[in-house]
Amino acid sequence: MTTVFVRAKVQDFGAWKTAYDSGIDIRTAAGVTTANVFRSVDDPNEITVAHELPTVRSAKDFAHSSELRAAMQASGVVGAPEVWFVEGI
């Protein structure tokens, strides 16, 4: 199992969360098996999302997909998100 973490700044958390929730089809099609959303206690418009996928390849394909990029832009992500990958041991 591979987890991709994405940390980003958003314009408005409520609007972003609504858009994120409506993007379940994108996540399902990519093979996301578990999704968690975290919100910074110091900045309510800073989010970290963790998505579990079956393989490193599927995680990287999802993280770099044009569908995800378009969804992030439409949801109000500001600037370039920080993305990293980890494998469970």
N, C-alpha and C. Protein backbone atom coordinates (compact mmCIF):
# COMPACT_ATOMS: atom_id res chain seq x y z
N MET A 1 0.86 -1.18 0.00
CA MET A 1 0.00 0.00 0.00
C MET A 1 0.90 1.24 0.00
N THR A 2 0.54 2.20 -0.84
CA THR A 2 1.28 3.46 -0.94
C THR A 2 0.34 4.59 -0.56
N THR A 3 0.86 5.54 0.19
CA THR A 3 0.09 6.72 0.56
C THR A 3 0.71 7.93 -0.09
N VAL A 4 -0.12 8.73 -0.70
CA VAL A 4 0.31 10.02 -1.24
C VAL A 4 -0.26 11.10 -0.33
N PHE A 5 0.61 11.98 0.14
CA PHE A 5 0.20 13.11 0.96
C PHE A 5 0.28 14.36 0.10
N VAL A 6 -0.72 15.21 0.24
CA VAL A 6 -0.74 16.49 -0.46
C VAL A 6 -1.04 17.57 0.57
N ARG A 7 -0.12 18.52 0.70
CA ARG A 7 -0.34 19.68 1.58
C ARG A 7 -0.51 20.89 0.68
N ALA A 8 -1.56 21.66 0.95
CA ALA A 8 -1.84 22.81 0.10
C ALA A 8 -2.52 23.91 0.89
N LYS A 9 -2.43 25.09 0.35
CA LYS A 9 -3.16 26.24 0.86
C LYS A 9 -4.38 26.39 -0.05
N VAL A 10 -5.54 26.65 0.54
CA VAL A 10 -6.76 26.84 -0.23
C VAL A 10 -7.33 28.23 0.06
N GLN A 11 -8.08 28.76 -0.91
CA GLN A 11 -8.67 30.09 -0.72
C GLN A 11 -9.72 30.09 0.38
N ASP A 12 -10.56 29.06 0.40
CA ASP A 12 -11.66 28.99 1.37
C ASP A 12 -11.90 27.52 1.68
N PHE A 13 -11.68 27.13 2.93
CA PHE A 13 -11.78 25.71 3.28
C PHE A 13 -13.16 25.14 2.97
N GLY A 14 -14.22 25.84 3.31
CA GLY A 14 -15.58 25.33 3.07
C GLY A 14 -15.84 25.04 1.61
N ALA A 15 -15.46 25.96 0.74
CA ALA A 15 -15.64 25.77 -0.70
C ALA A 15 -14.76 24.62 -1.19
N TRP A 16 -13.52 24.57 -0.70
CA TRP A 16 -12.62 23.49 -1.10
C TRP A 16 -13.19 22.13 -0.68
N LYS A 17 -13.68 22.03 0.56
CA LYS A 17 -14.20 20.75 1.08
C LYS A 17 -15.40 20.27 0.28
N THR A 18 -16.27 21.20 -0.10
CA THR A 18 -17.42 20.84 -0.94
C THR A 18 -16.95 20.27 -2.27
N ALA A 19 -15.98 20.93 -2.88
CA ALA A 19 -15.44 20.45 -4.15
C ALA A 19 -14.73 19.10 -3.97
N TYR A 20 -13.97 18.96 -2.88
CA TYR A 20 -13.27 17.70 -2.62
C TYR A 20 -14.28 16.55 -2.48
N ASP A 21 -15.31 16.77 -1.70
CA ASP A 21 -16.32 15.72 -1.49
C ASP A 21 -17.00 15.31 -2.79
N SER A 22 -17.17 16.26 -3.69
CA SER A 22 -17.83 15.93 -4.96
C SER A 22 -16.88 15.22 -5.94
N GLY A 23 -15.60 15.13 -5.62
CA GLY A 23 -14.62 14.49 -6.50
C GLY A 23 -14.39 13.02 -6.22
N ILE A 24 -15.32 12.37 -5.56
CA ILE A 24 -15.13 10.96 -5.20
C ILE A 24 -14.95 10.08 -6.43
N ASP A 25 -15.60 10.42 -7.55
CA ASP A 25 -15.46 9.61 -8.77
C ASP A 25 -14.03 9.61 -9.28
N ILE A 26 -13.35 10.75 -9.20
CA ILE A 26 -11.95 10.84 -9.63
C ILE A 26 -11.08 9.93 -8.75
N ARG A 27 -11.31 9.99 -7.45
CA ARG A 27 -10.51 9.17 -6.52
C ARG A 27 -10.79 7.69 -6.73
N THR A 28 -12.04 7.33 -6.88
CA THR A 28 -12.40 5.92 -7.08
C THR A 28 -11.80 5.38 -8.37
N ALA A 29 -11.90 6.14 -9.45
CA ALA A 29 -11.35 5.70 -10.74
C ALA A 29 -9.84 5.52 -10.67
N ALA A 30 -9.17 6.30 -9.83
CA ALA A 30 -7.71 6.21 -9.69
C ALA A 30 -7.29 5.04 -8.80
N GLY A 31 -8.23 4.45 -8.07
CA GLY A 31 -7.90 3.33 -7.20
C GLY A 31 -7.67 3.69 -5.75
N VAL A 32 -8.08 4.90 -5.35
CA VAL A 32 -7.92 5.32 -3.96
C VAL A 32 -8.78 4.41 -3.08
N THR A 33 -8.15 3.81 -2.08
CA THR A 33 -8.87 2.91 -1.18
C THR A 33 -9.23 3.56 0.15
N THR A 34 -8.44 4.56 0.55
CA THR A 34 -8.69 5.28 1.79
C THR A 34 -8.32 6.74 1.58
N ALA A 35 -9.15 7.64 2.09
CA ALA A 35 -8.87 9.07 1.96
C ALA A 35 -9.11 9.74 3.31
N ASN A 36 -8.16 10.57 3.71
CA ASN A 36 -8.27 11.33 4.95
C ASN A 36 -7.92 12.78 4.68
N VAL A 37 -8.67 13.68 5.29
CA VAL A 37 -8.43 15.11 5.15
C VAL A 37 -8.07 15.66 6.52
N PHE A 38 -7.02 16.48 6.56
CA PHE A 38 -6.56 17.11 7.79
C PHE A 38 -6.51 18.62 7.56
N ARG A 39 -6.85 19.37 8.61
CA ARG A 39 -6.86 20.83 8.53
C ARG A 39 -5.92 21.36 9.60
N SER A 40 -5.06 22.28 9.22
CA SER A 40 -4.10 22.85 10.17
C SER A 40 -4.82 23.55 11.32
N VAL A 41 -4.31 23.37 12.52
CA VAL A 41 -4.88 24.06 13.67
C VAL A 41 -4.45 25.53 13.70
N ASP A 42 -3.37 25.85 12.99
CA ASP A 42 -2.86 27.22 12.97
C ASP A 42 -3.39 28.04 11.79
N ASP A 43 -3.79 27.37 10.72
CA ASP A 43 -4.29 28.06 9.53
C ASP A 43 -5.43 27.24 8.94
N PRO A 44 -6.67 27.66 9.12
CA PRO A 44 -7.82 26.87 8.67
C PRO A 44 -7.89 26.69 7.15
N ASN A 45 -7.07 27.41 6.41
CA ASN A 45 -7.06 27.25 4.96
C ASN A 45 -5.83 26.48 4.48
N GLU A 46 -5.17 25.78 5.39
CA GLU A 46 -4.08 24.87 5.01
C GLU A 46 -4.56 23.45 5.27
N ILE A 47 -4.52 22.64 4.23
CA ILE A 47 -5.02 21.27 4.34
C ILE A 47 -3.92 20.27 3.98
N THR A 48 -4.05 19.09 4.53
CA THR A 48 -3.22 17.96 4.13
C THR A 48 -4.19 16.81 3.87
N VAL A 49 -4.02 16.18 2.71
CA VAL A 49 -4.86 15.06 2.32
C VAL A 49 -3.98 13.84 2.17
N ALA A 50 -4.43 12.70 2.68
CA ALA A 50 -3.72 11.43 2.54
C ALA A 50 -4.61 10.46 1.79
N HIS A 51 -4.10 9.95 0.68
CA HIS A 51 -4.83 8.96 -0.12
C HIS A 51 -4.00 7.69 -0.20
N GLU A 52 -4.61 6.56 0.13
CA GLU A 52 -3.94 5.26 -0.01
C GLU A 52 -4.34 4.65 -1.35
N LEU A 53 -3.33 4.11 -2.03
CA LEU A 53 -3.53 3.42 -3.30
C LEU A 53 -2.74 2.13 -3.27
N PRO A 54 -3.08 1.18 -4.14
CA PRO A 54 -2.46 -0.15 -4.06
C PRO A 54 -0.96 -0.19 -4.38
N THR A 55 -0.49 0.69 -5.28
CA THR A 55 0.91 0.61 -5.70
C THR A 55 1.53 2.01 -5.80
N VAL A 56 2.85 2.04 -5.83
CA VAL A 56 3.57 3.30 -6.03
C VAL A 56 3.16 3.91 -7.37
N ARG A 57 3.11 3.08 -8.41
CA ARG A 57 2.76 3.57 -9.74
C ARG A 57 1.37 4.21 -9.75
N SER A 58 0.39 3.54 -9.14
CA SER A 58 -0.97 4.10 -9.14
C SER A 58 -1.02 5.40 -8.34
N ALA A 59 -0.25 5.48 -7.26
CA ALA A 59 -0.22 6.70 -6.46
C ALA A 59 0.40 7.86 -7.24
N LYS A 60 1.50 7.59 -7.94
CA LYS A 60 2.15 8.63 -8.73
C LYS A 60 1.30 9.04 -9.92
N ASP A 61 0.67 8.06 -10.57
CA ASP A 61 -0.22 8.39 -11.69
C ASP A 61 -1.36 9.29 -11.23
N PHE A 62 -1.95 8.97 -10.09
CA PHE A 62 -3.04 9.78 -9.54
C PHE A 62 -2.55 11.17 -9.19
N ALA A 63 -1.44 11.27 -8.47
CA ALA A 63 -0.94 12.56 -8.02
C ALA A 63 -0.57 13.48 -9.17
N HIS A 64 -0.16 12.91 -10.28
CA HIS A 64 0.28 13.71 -11.42
C HIS A 64 -0.75 13.77 -12.55
N SER A 65 -1.97 13.32 -12.27
CA SER A 65 -2.99 13.26 -13.32
C SER A 65 -3.55 14.65 -13.64
N SER A 66 -3.93 14.82 -14.88
CA SER A 66 -4.54 16.09 -15.30
C SER A 66 -5.90 16.28 -14.62
N GLU A 67 -6.60 15.18 -14.34
CA GLU A 67 -7.90 15.28 -13.66
C GLU A 67 -7.74 15.86 -12.26
N LEU A 68 -6.74 15.36 -11.53
CA LEU A 68 -6.51 15.87 -10.18
C LEU A 68 -6.06 17.33 -10.23
N ARG A 69 -5.18 17.64 -11.15
CA ARG A 69 -4.69 19.02 -11.29
C ARG A 69 -5.86 19.97 -11.56
N ALA A 70 -6.75 19.58 -12.47
CA ALA A 70 -7.91 20.43 -12.79
C ALA A 70 -8.84 20.57 -11.58
N ALA A 71 -9.05 19.47 -10.86
CA ALA A 71 -9.92 19.51 -9.68
C ALA A 71 -9.34 20.41 -8.60
N MET A 72 -8.02 20.35 -8.40
CA MET A 72 -7.39 21.20 -7.39
C MET A 72 -7.51 22.67 -7.78
N GLN A 73 -7.30 22.97 -9.03
CA GLN A 73 -7.40 24.35 -9.49
C GLN A 73 -8.83 24.86 -9.32
N ALA A 74 -9.81 24.05 -9.70
CA ALA A 74 -11.21 24.46 -9.61
C ALA A 74 -11.68 24.61 -8.17
N SER A 75 -11.06 23.86 -7.25
CA SER A 75 -11.50 23.89 -5.85
C SER A 75 -10.90 25.04 -5.05
N GLY A 76 -9.95 25.77 -5.65
CA GLY A 76 -9.39 26.93 -4.95
C GLY A 76 -8.04 26.69 -4.31
N VAL A 77 -7.31 25.67 -4.75
CA VAL A 77 -5.95 25.48 -4.24
C VAL A 77 -5.10 26.64 -4.73
N VAL A 78 -4.32 27.21 -3.82
CA VAL A 78 -3.50 28.37 -4.11
C VAL A 78 -2.04 27.92 -4.22
N GLY A 79 -1.40 28.23 -5.33
CA GLY A 79 0.00 27.89 -5.51
C GLY A 79 0.20 26.40 -5.74
N ALA A 80 1.46 26.01 -5.71
CA ALA A 80 1.81 24.61 -5.94
C ALA A 80 1.73 23.82 -4.63
N PRO A 81 1.00 22.71 -4.63
CA PRO A 81 0.93 21.90 -3.42
C PRO A 81 2.23 21.14 -3.19
N GLU A 82 2.46 20.76 -1.96
CA GLU A 82 3.60 19.89 -1.62
C GLU A 82 3.08 18.45 -1.66
N VAL A 83 3.77 17.57 -2.39
CA VAL A 83 3.32 16.19 -2.58
C VAL A 83 4.46 15.26 -2.21
N TRP A 84 4.16 14.20 -1.44
CA TRP A 84 5.15 13.18 -1.14
C TRP A 84 4.49 11.82 -0.99
N PHE A 85 5.28 10.78 -1.17
CA PHE A 85 4.79 9.41 -1.19
C PHE A 85 5.50 8.59 -0.12
N VAL A 86 4.75 7.69 0.53
CA VAL A 86 5.34 6.76 1.50
C VAL A 86 4.72 5.38 1.29
N GLU A 87 5.48 4.36 1.67
CA GLU A 87 4.99 2.99 1.60
C GLU A 87 4.88 2.43 3.01
N GLY A 88 3.80 1.69 3.23
CA GLY A 88 3.63 1.02 4.52
C GLY A 88 4.61 -0.15 4.61
N ILE A 89 5.10 -0.39 5.81
CA ILE A 89 6.04 -1.50 6.01
C ILE A 89 5.52 -2.47 7.04
